[in-house]
Amino acid sequence: LEVQFVITGSNRHSQKEYRSYLQYLEYLNQHRPPPNSYEAFAKGYEDYLQCPLQPLMDNLESQTYEIFEKDHIKYSQYQQ
């Protein structure tokens, strides 16, 4: 995942040096926890807006139905 950052606000370090901020962001990136199963499954789809699928109206592939079945939140909401 390639992420871009926009840093705004007053610089509290030496003149126009953002190195401290960059080093901290790199530290956070290197020490983040490994992705859980949901994050690993969804990798690559984070930044794409998609139209909602309607399984009863659209002709969907079995792989798409498998994604629906892995949505635990949806099923817990149906039960409530």
PDB file of N, CA and C in Angstrom:
ATOM      1  N   LEU A   1       0.854  -1.171   0.000  1.00  0.00           N
ATOM      2  CA  LEU A   1       0.000   0.000   0.000  1.00  0.00           C
ATOM      3  C   LEU A   1       0.894   1.226   0.000  1.00  0.00           C
ATOM      4  N   GLU A   2       0.750   2.064  -0.978  1.00  0.00           N
ATOM      5  CA  GLU A   2       1.534   3.291  -1.039  1.00  0.00           C
ATOM      6  C   GLU A   2       0.682   4.430  -0.508  1.00  0.00           C
ATOM      7  N   VAL A   3       1.159   5.042   0.564  1.00  0.00           N
ATOM      8  CA  VAL A   3       0.401   6.078   1.244  1.00  0.00           C
ATOM      9  C   VAL A   3       1.107   7.410   1.063  1.00  0.00           C
ATOM     10  N   GLN A   4       0.342   8.452   0.845  1.00  0.00           N
ATOM     11  CA  GLN A   4       0.883   9.803   0.768  1.00  0.00           C
ATOM     12  C   GLN A   4       0.399  10.574   1.978  1.00  0.00           C
ATOM     13  N   PHE A   5       1.282  11.386   2.536  1.00  0.00           N
ATOM     14  CA  PHE A   5       0.947  12.182   3.706  1.00  0.00           C
ATOM     15  C   PHE A   5       1.006  13.656   3.358  1.00  0.00           C
ATOM     16  N   VAL A   6       0.116  14.424   3.941  1.00  0.00           N
ATOM     17  CA  VAL A   6       0.147  15.877   3.851  1.00  0.00           C
ATOM     18  C   VAL A   6       0.366  16.376   5.267  1.00  0.00           C
ATOM     19  N   ILE A   7       1.492  17.033   5.486  1.00  0.00           N
ATOM     20  CA  ILE A   7       1.821  17.541   6.815  1.00  0.00           C
ATOM     21  C   ILE A   7       1.565  19.036   6.811  1.00  0.00           C
ATOM     22  N   THR A   8       0.691  19.478   7.716  1.00  0.00           N
ATOM     23  CA  THR A   8       0.364  20.897   7.807  1.00  0.00           C
ATOM     24  C   THR A   8       0.593  21.379   9.228  1.00  0.00           C
ATOM     25  N   GLY A   9       0.567  22.668   9.395  1.00  0.00           N
ATOM     26  CA  GLY A   9       0.732  23.249  10.729  1.00  0.00           C
ATOM     27  C   GLY A   9       2.119  23.828  10.898  1.00  0.00           C
ATOM     28  N   SER A  10       2.347  24.364  12.060  1.00  0.00           N
ATOM     29  CA  SER A  10       3.642  24.997  12.313  1.00  0.00           C
ATOM     30  C   SER A  10       4.712  23.935  12.511  1.00  0.00           C
ATOM     31  N   ASN A  11       5.898  24.217  12.013  1.00  0.00           N
ATOM     32  CA  ASN A  11       7.037  23.325  12.142  1.00  0.00           C
ATOM     33  C   ASN A  11       7.746  23.653  13.449  1.00  0.00           C
ATOM     34  N   ARG A  12       7.820  22.701  14.353  1.00  0.00           N
ATOM     35  CA  ARG A  12       8.423  22.949  15.663  1.00  0.00           C
ATOM     36  C   ARG A  12       9.888  22.547  15.700  1.00  0.00           C
ATOM     37  N   HIS A  13      10.444  22.251  14.568  1.00  0.00           N
ATOM     38  CA  HIS A  13      11.846  21.854  14.499  1.00  0.00           C
ATOM     39  C   HIS A  13      12.592  22.863  13.636  1.00  0.00           C
ATOM     40  N   SER A  14      13.825  22.539  13.279  1.00  0.00           N
ATOM     41  CA  SER A  14      14.655  23.492  12.540  1.00  0.00           C
ATOM     42  C   SER A  14      13.986  23.941  11.242  1.00  0.00           C
ATOM     43  N   GLN A  15      14.468  25.011  10.688  1.00  0.00           N
ATOM     44  CA  GLN A  15      13.884  25.666   9.514  1.00  0.00           C
ATOM     45  C   GLN A  15      13.542  24.681   8.393  1.00  0.00           C
ATOM     46  N   LYS A  16      12.269  24.563   8.121  1.00  0.00           N
ATOM     47  CA  LYS A  16      11.745  23.791   6.985  1.00  0.00           C
ATOM     48  C   LYS A  16      12.261  22.352   6.934  1.00  0.00           C
ATOM     49  N   GLU A  17      12.588  21.785   8.065  1.00  0.00           N
ATOM     50  CA  GLU A  17      13.034  20.394   8.106  1.00  0.00           C
ATOM     51  C   GLU A  17      11.893  19.516   8.606  1.00  0.00           C
ATOM     52  N   TYR A  18      11.450  18.637   7.779  1.00  0.00           N
ATOM     53  CA  TYR A  18      10.377  17.723   8.151  1.00  0.00           C
ATOM     54  C   TYR A  18      10.927  16.319   8.417  1.00  0.00           C
ATOM     55  N   ARG A  19      12.236  16.216   8.534  1.00  0.00           N
ATOM     56  CA  ARG A  19      12.867  14.915   8.713  1.00  0.00           C
ATOM     57  C   ARG A  19      12.367  14.212   9.977  1.00  0.00           C
ATOM     58  N   SER A  20      12.172  14.959  11.058  1.00  0.00           N
ATOM     59  CA  SER A  20      11.691  14.352  12.310  1.00  0.00           C
ATOM     60  C   SER A  20      10.317  13.720  12.111  1.00  0.00           C
ATOM     61  N   TYR A  21       9.453  14.406  11.382  1.00  0.00           N
ATOM     62  CA  TYR A  21       8.114  13.871  11.120  1.00  0.00           C
ATOM     63  C   TYR A  21       8.196  12.621  10.241  1.00  0.00           C
ATOM     64  N   LEU A  22       9.042  12.675   9.228  1.00  0.00           N
ATOM     65  CA  LEU A  22       9.211  11.535   8.336  1.00  0.00           C
ATOM     66  C   LEU A  22       9.761  10.330   9.093  1.00  0.00           C
ATOM     67  N   GLN A  23      10.747  10.565   9.958  1.00  0.00           N
ATOM     68  CA  GLN A  23      11.310   9.465  10.741  1.00  0.00           C
ATOM     69  C   GLN A  23      10.254   8.840  11.649  1.00  0.00           C
ATOM     70  N   TYR A  24       9.408   9.662  12.239  1.00  0.00           N
ATOM     71  CA  TYR A  24       8.362   9.129  13.110  1.00  0.00           C
ATOM     72  C   TYR A  24       7.343   8.312  12.316  1.00  0.00           C
ATOM     73  N   LEU A  25       6.973   8.796  11.134  1.00  0.00           N
ATOM     74  CA  LEU A  25       6.039   8.041  10.297  1.00  0.00           C
ATOM     75  C   LEU A  25       6.648   6.710   9.863  1.00  0.00           C
ATOM     76  N   GLU A  26       7.941   6.710   9.539  1.00  0.00           N
ATOM     77  CA  GLU A  26       8.615   5.467   9.178  1.00  0.00           C
ATOM     78  C   GLU A  26       8.659   4.508  10.367  1.00  0.00           C
ATOM     79  N   TYR A  27       8.894   5.045  11.561  1.00  0.00           N
ATOM     80  CA  TYR A  27       8.889   4.224  12.772  1.00  0.00           C
ATOM     81  C   TYR A  27       7.516   3.572  12.970  1.00  0.00           C
ATOM     82  N   LEU A  28       6.459   4.365  12.837  1.00  0.00           N
ATOM     83  CA  LEU A  28       5.108   3.814  12.992  1.00  0.00           C
ATOM     84  C   LEU A  28       4.835   2.721  11.964  1.00  0.00           C
ATOM     85  N   ASN A  29       5.280   2.941  10.735  1.00  0.00           N
ATOM     86  CA  ASN A  29       5.063   1.966   9.674  1.00  0.00           C
ATOM     87  C   ASN A  29       5.797   0.660   9.960  1.00  0.00           C
ATOM     88  N   GLN A  30       7.014   0.754  10.476  1.00  0.00           N
ATOM     89  CA  GLN A  30       7.813  -0.444  10.733  1.00  0.00           C
ATOM     90  C   GLN A  30       7.338  -1.212  11.965  1.00  0.00           C
ATOM     91  N   HIS A  31       6.672  -0.538  12.894  1.00  0.00           N
ATOM     92  CA  HIS A  31       6.266  -1.184  14.138  1.00  0.00           C
ATOM     93  C   HIS A  31       4.755  -1.424  14.233  1.00  0.00           C
ATOM     94  N   ARG A  32       4.071  -1.371  13.128  1.00  0.00           N
ATOM     95  CA  ARG A  32       2.634  -1.640  13.166  1.00  0.00           C
ATOM     96  C   ARG A  32       2.411  -3.146  13.292  1.00  0.00           C
ATOM     97  N   PRO A  33       1.314  -3.536  13.892  1.00  0.00           N
ATOM     98  CA  PRO A  33       1.050  -4.974  14.057  1.00  0.00           C
ATOM     99  C   PRO A  33       0.752  -5.623  12.713  1.00  0.00           C
ATOM    100  N   PRO A  34       0.979  -6.930  12.617  1.00  0.00           N
ATOM    101  CA  PRO A  34       0.665  -7.616  11.353  1.00  0.00           C
ATOM    102  C   PRO A  34      -0.834  -7.564  11.092  1.00  0.00           C
ATOM    103  N   PRO A  35      -1.225  -7.609   9.830  1.00  0.00           N
ATOM    104  CA  PRO A  35      -2.663  -7.522   9.513  1.00  0.00           C
ATOM    105  C   PRO A  35      -3.411  -8.751  10.022  1.00  0.00           C
ATOM    106  N   ASN A  36      -4.645  -8.519  10.465  1.00  0.00           N
ATOM    107  CA  ASN A  36      -5.487  -9.650  10.869  1.00  0.00           C
ATOM    108  C   ASN A  36      -6.067 -10.300   9.613  1.00  0.00           C
ATOM    109  N   SER A  37      -6.846 -11.343   9.781  1.00  0.00           N
ATOM    110  CA  SER A  37      -7.344 -12.090   8.620  1.00  0.00           C
ATOM    111  C   SER A  37      -8.240 -11.233   7.726  1.00  0.00           C
ATOM    112  N   TYR A  38      -9.049 -10.352   8.335  1.00  0.00           N
ATOM    113  CA  TYR A  38      -9.919  -9.488   7.530  1.00  0.00           C
ATOM    114  C   TYR A  38      -9.085  -8.497   6.716  1.00  0.00           C
ATOM    115  N   GLU A  39      -8.083  -7.869   7.346  1.00  0.00           N
ATOM    116  CA  GLU A  39      -7.239  -6.899   6.643  1.00  0.00           C
ATOM    117  C   GLU A  39      -6.452  -7.574   5.529  1.00  0.00           C
ATOM    118  N   ALA A  40      -5.955  -8.775   5.785  1.00  0.00           N
ATOM    119  CA  ALA A  40      -5.219  -9.500   4.749  1.00  0.00           C
ATOM    120  C   ALA A  40      -6.140  -9.856   3.584  1.00  0.00           C
ATOM    121  N   PHE A  41      -7.373 -10.242   3.889  1.00  0.00           N
ATOM    122  CA  PHE A  41      -8.335 -10.605   2.847  1.00  0.00           C
ATOM    123  C   PHE A  41      -8.713  -9.394   1.997  1.00  0.00           C
ATOM    124  N   ALA A  42      -8.842  -8.216   2.629  1.00  0.00           N
ATOM    125  CA  ALA A  42      -9.295  -7.011   1.931  1.00  0.00           C
ATOM    126  C   ALA A  42      -8.156  -6.237   1.279  1.00  0.00           C
ATOM    127  N   LYS A  43      -6.922  -6.683   1.443  1.00  0.00           N
ATOM    128  CA  LYS A  43      -5.778  -5.944   0.898  1.00  0.00           C
ATOM    129  C   LYS A  43      -5.936  -5.765  -0.607  1.00  0.00           C
ATOM    130  N   GLY A  44      -5.750  -4.552  -1.047  1.00  0.00           N
ATOM    131  CA  GLY A  44      -5.877  -4.232  -2.458  1.00  0.00           C
ATOM    132  C   GLY A  44      -7.197  -3.586  -2.821  1.00  0.00           C
ATOM    133  N   TYR A  45      -8.158  -3.633  -1.910  1.00  0.00           N
ATOM    134  CA  TYR A  45      -9.472  -3.052  -2.171  1.00  0.00           C
ATOM    135  C   TYR A  45      -9.744  -1.837  -1.295  1.00  0.00           C
ATOM    136  N   GLU A  46      -8.729  -1.336  -0.589  1.00  0.00           N
ATOM    137  CA  GLU A  46      -8.951  -0.282   0.396  1.00  0.00           C
ATOM    138  C   GLU A  46      -9.417   1.032  -0.224  1.00  0.00           C
ATOM    139  N   ASP A  47      -8.856   1.395  -1.335  1.00  0.00           N
ATOM    140  CA  ASP A  47      -9.069   2.736  -1.871  1.00  0.00           C
ATOM    141  C   ASP A  47     -10.006   2.782  -3.075  1.00  0.00           C
ATOM    142  N   TYR A  48     -10.873   1.828  -3.199  1.00  0.00           N
ATOM    143  CA  TYR A  48     -11.762   1.805  -4.348  1.00  0.00           C
ATOM    144  C   TYR A  48     -13.215   1.924  -3.901  1.00  0.00           C
ATOM    145  N   LEU A  49     -13.881   2.954  -4.382  1.00  0.00           N
ATOM    146  CA  LEU A  49     -15.319   3.058  -4.152  1.00  0.00           C
ATOM    147  C   LEU A  49     -16.015   2.193  -5.191  1.00  0.00           C
ATOM    148  N   GLN A  50     -16.915   1.383  -4.742  1.00  0.00           N
ATOM    149  CA  GLN A  50     -17.628   0.499  -5.645  1.00  0.00           C
ATOM    150  C   GLN A  50     -19.122   0.635  -5.406  1.00  0.00           C
ATOM    151  N   CYS A  51     -19.883   0.432  -6.452  1.00  0.00           N
ATOM    152  CA  CYS A  51     -21.336   0.428  -6.298  1.00  0.00           C
ATOM    153  C   CYS A  51     -21.726  -0.786  -5.468  1.00  0.00           C
ATOM    154  N   PRO A  52     -22.708  -0.637  -4.601  1.00  0.00           N
ATOM    155  CA  PRO A  52     -23.131  -1.793  -3.812  1.00  0.00           C
ATOM    156  C   PRO A  52     -23.704  -2.884  -4.710  1.00  0.00           C
ATOM    157  N   LEU A  53     -23.323  -4.103  -4.408  1.00  0.00           N
ATOM    158  CA  LEU A  53     -23.818  -5.234  -5.189  1.00  0.00           C
ATOM    159  C   LEU A  53     -25.161  -5.691  -4.644  1.00  0.00           C
ATOM    160  N   GLN A  54     -25.982  -6.164  -5.526  1.00  0.00           N
ATOM    161  CA  GLN A  54     -27.287  -6.689  -5.137  1.00  0.00           C
ATOM    162  C   GLN A  54     -27.340  -8.146  -5.589  1.00  0.00           C
ATOM    163  N   PRO A  55     -27.016  -9.063  -4.679  1.00  0.00           N
ATOM    164  CA  PRO A  55     -26.875 -10.466  -5.078  1.00  0.00           C
ATOM    165  C   PRO A  55     -28.107 -11.071  -5.724  1.00  0.00           C
ATOM    166  N   LEU A  56     -29.286 -10.615  -5.374  1.00  0.00           N
ATOM    167  CA  LEU A  56     -30.484 -11.217  -5.954  1.00  0.00           C
ATOM    168  C   LEU A  56     -30.800 -10.662  -7.339  1.00  0.00           C
ATOM    169  N   MET A  57     -30.241  -9.517  -7.671  1.00  0.00           N
ATOM    170  CA  MET A  57     -30.540  -8.895  -8.953  1.00  0.00           C
ATOM    171  C   MET A  57     -29.388  -9.051  -9.947  1.00  0.00           C
ATOM    172  N   ASP A  58     -28.153  -9.030  -9.450  1.00  0.00           N
ATOM    173  CA  ASP A  58     -26.986  -9.116 -10.322  1.00  0.00           C
ATOM    174  C   ASP A  58     -26.545 -10.570 -10.468  1.00  0.00           C
ATOM    175  N   ASN A  59     -25.982 -10.874 -11.621  1.00  0.00           N
ATOM    176  CA  ASN A  59     -25.415 -12.201 -11.832  1.00  0.00           C
ATOM    177  C   ASN A  59     -23.974 -12.157 -11.338  1.00  0.00           C
ATOM    178  N   LEU A  60     -23.745 -12.657 -10.130  1.00  0.00           N
ATOM    179  CA  LEU A  60     -22.437 -12.547  -9.503  1.00  0.00           C
ATOM    180  C   LEU A  60     -21.686 -13.874  -9.560  1.00  0.00           C
ATOM    181  N   GLU A  61     -20.358 -13.774  -9.579  1.00  0.00           N
ATOM    182  CA  GLU A  61     -19.527 -14.968  -9.558  1.00  0.00           C
ATOM    183  C   GLU A  61     -19.546 -15.586  -8.163  1.00  0.00           C
ATOM    184  N   SER A  62     -19.201 -16.853  -8.067  1.00  0.00           N
ATOM    185  CA  SER A  62     -19.195 -17.526  -6.765  1.00  0.00           C
ATOM    186  C   SER A  62     -18.181 -16.894  -5.817  1.00  0.00           C
ATOM    187  N   GLN A  63     -17.092 -16.355  -6.368  1.00  0.00           N
ATOM    188  CA  GLN A  63     -16.094 -15.690  -5.521  1.00  0.00           C
ATOM    189  C   GLN A  63     -16.703 -14.465  -4.838  1.00  0.00           C
ATOM    190  N   THR A  64     -17.567 -13.754  -5.527  1.00  0.00           N
ATOM    191  CA  THR A  64     -18.221 -12.586  -4.941  1.00  0.00           C
ATOM    192  C   THR A  64     -19.163 -13.010  -3.825  1.00  0.00           C
ATOM    193  N   TYR A  65     -19.889 -14.102  -4.029  1.00  0.00           N
ATOM    194  CA  TYR A  65     -20.756 -14.604  -2.960  1.00  0.00           C
ATOM    195  C   TYR A  65     -19.937 -15.006  -1.738  1.00  0.00           C
ATOM    196  N   GLU A  66     -18.748 -15.543  -1.984  1.00  0.00           N
ATOM    197  CA  GLU A  66     -17.869 -15.931  -0.878  1.00  0.00           C
ATOM    198  C   GLU A  66     -17.490 -14.709  -0.042  1.00  0.00           C
ATOM    199  N   ILE A  67     -17.281 -13.578  -0.698  1.00  0.00           N
ATOM    200  CA  ILE A  67     -16.973 -12.342   0.028  1.00  0.00           C
ATOM    201  C   ILE A  67     -18.160 -11.934   0.885  1.00  0.00           C
ATOM    202  N   PHE A  68     -19.365 -12.037   0.338  1.00  0.00           N
ATOM    203  CA  PHE A  68     -20.561 -11.718   1.123  1.00  0.00           C
ATOM    204  C   PHE A  68     -20.644 -12.609   2.361  1.00  0.00           C
ATOM    205  N   GLU A  69     -20.341 -13.880   2.200  1.00  0.00           N
ATOM    206  CA  GLU A  69     -20.458 -14.819   3.311  1.00  0.00           C
ATOM    207  C   GLU A  69     -19.427 -14.557   4.401  1.00  0.00           C
ATOM    208  N   LYS A  70     -18.311 -13.929   4.062  1.00  0.00           N
ATOM    209  CA  LYS A  70     -17.278 -13.635   5.060  1.00  0.00           C
ATOM    210  C   LYS A  70     -17.546 -12.343   5.813  1.00  0.00           C
ATOM    211  N   ASP A  71     -18.613 -11.665   5.480  1.00  0.00           N
ATOM    212  CA  ASP A  71     -18.950 -10.398   6.142  1.00  0.00           C
ATOM    213  C   ASP A  71     -19.716 -10.696   7.426  1.00  0.00           C
ATOM    214  N   HIS A  72     -18.982 -10.884   8.524  1.00  0.00           N
ATOM    215  CA  HIS A  72     -19.596 -11.256   9.798  1.00  0.00           C
ATOM    216  C   HIS A  72     -20.497 -10.151  10.335  1.00  0.00           C
ATOM    217  N   ILE A  73     -20.168  -8.914  10.088  1.00  0.00           N
ATOM    218  CA  ILE A  73     -20.966  -7.792  10.595  1.00  0.00           C
ATOM    219  C   ILE A  73     -22.360  -7.820   9.980  1.00  0.00           C
ATOM    220  N   LYS A  74     -22.420  -8.100   8.689  1.00  0.00           N
ATOM    221  CA  LYS A  74     -23.719  -8.152   8.014  1.00  0.00           C
ATOM    222  C   LYS A  74     -24.628  -9.188   8.671  1.00  0.00           C
ATOM    223  N   TYR A  75     -24.112 -10.367   8.931  1.00  0.00           N
ATOM    224  CA  TYR A  75     -24.934 -11.419   9.520  1.00  0.00           C
ATOM    225  C   TYR A  75     -25.323 -11.100  10.952  1.00  0.00           C
ATOM    226  N   SER A  76     -24.444 -10.464  11.708  1.00  0.00           N
ATOM    227  CA  SER A  76     -24.814 -10.093  13.083  1.00  0.00           C
ATOM    228  C   SER A  76     -25.896  -9.014  13.070  1.00  0.00           C
ATOM    229  N   GLN A  77     -25.875  -8.117  12.086  1.00  0.00           N
ATOM    230  CA  GLN A  77     -26.913  -7.093  11.976  1.00  0.00           C
ATOM    231  C   GLN A  77     -28.254  -7.723  11.597  1.00  0.00           C
ATOM    232  N   TYR A  78     -28.236  -8.746  10.748  1.00  0.00           N
ATOM    233  CA  TYR A  78     -29.478  -9.428  10.380  1.00  0.00           C
ATOM    234  C   TYR A  78     -30.127 -10.083  11.596  1.00  0.00           C
ATOM    235  N   GLN A  79     -29.305 -10.598  12.504  1.00  0.00           N
ATOM    236  CA  GLN A  79     -29.833 -11.287  13.682  1.00  0.00           C
ATOM    237  C   GLN A  79     -30.479 -10.328  14.672  1.00  0.00           C
ATOM    238  N   GLN A  80     -30.079  -9.074  14.650  1.00  0.00           N
ATOM    239  CA  GLN A  80     -30.614  -8.112  15.628  1.00  0.00           C
ATOM    240  C   GLN A  80     -31.961  -7.615  15.253  1.00  0.00           C
TER     241      GLN A  80
END
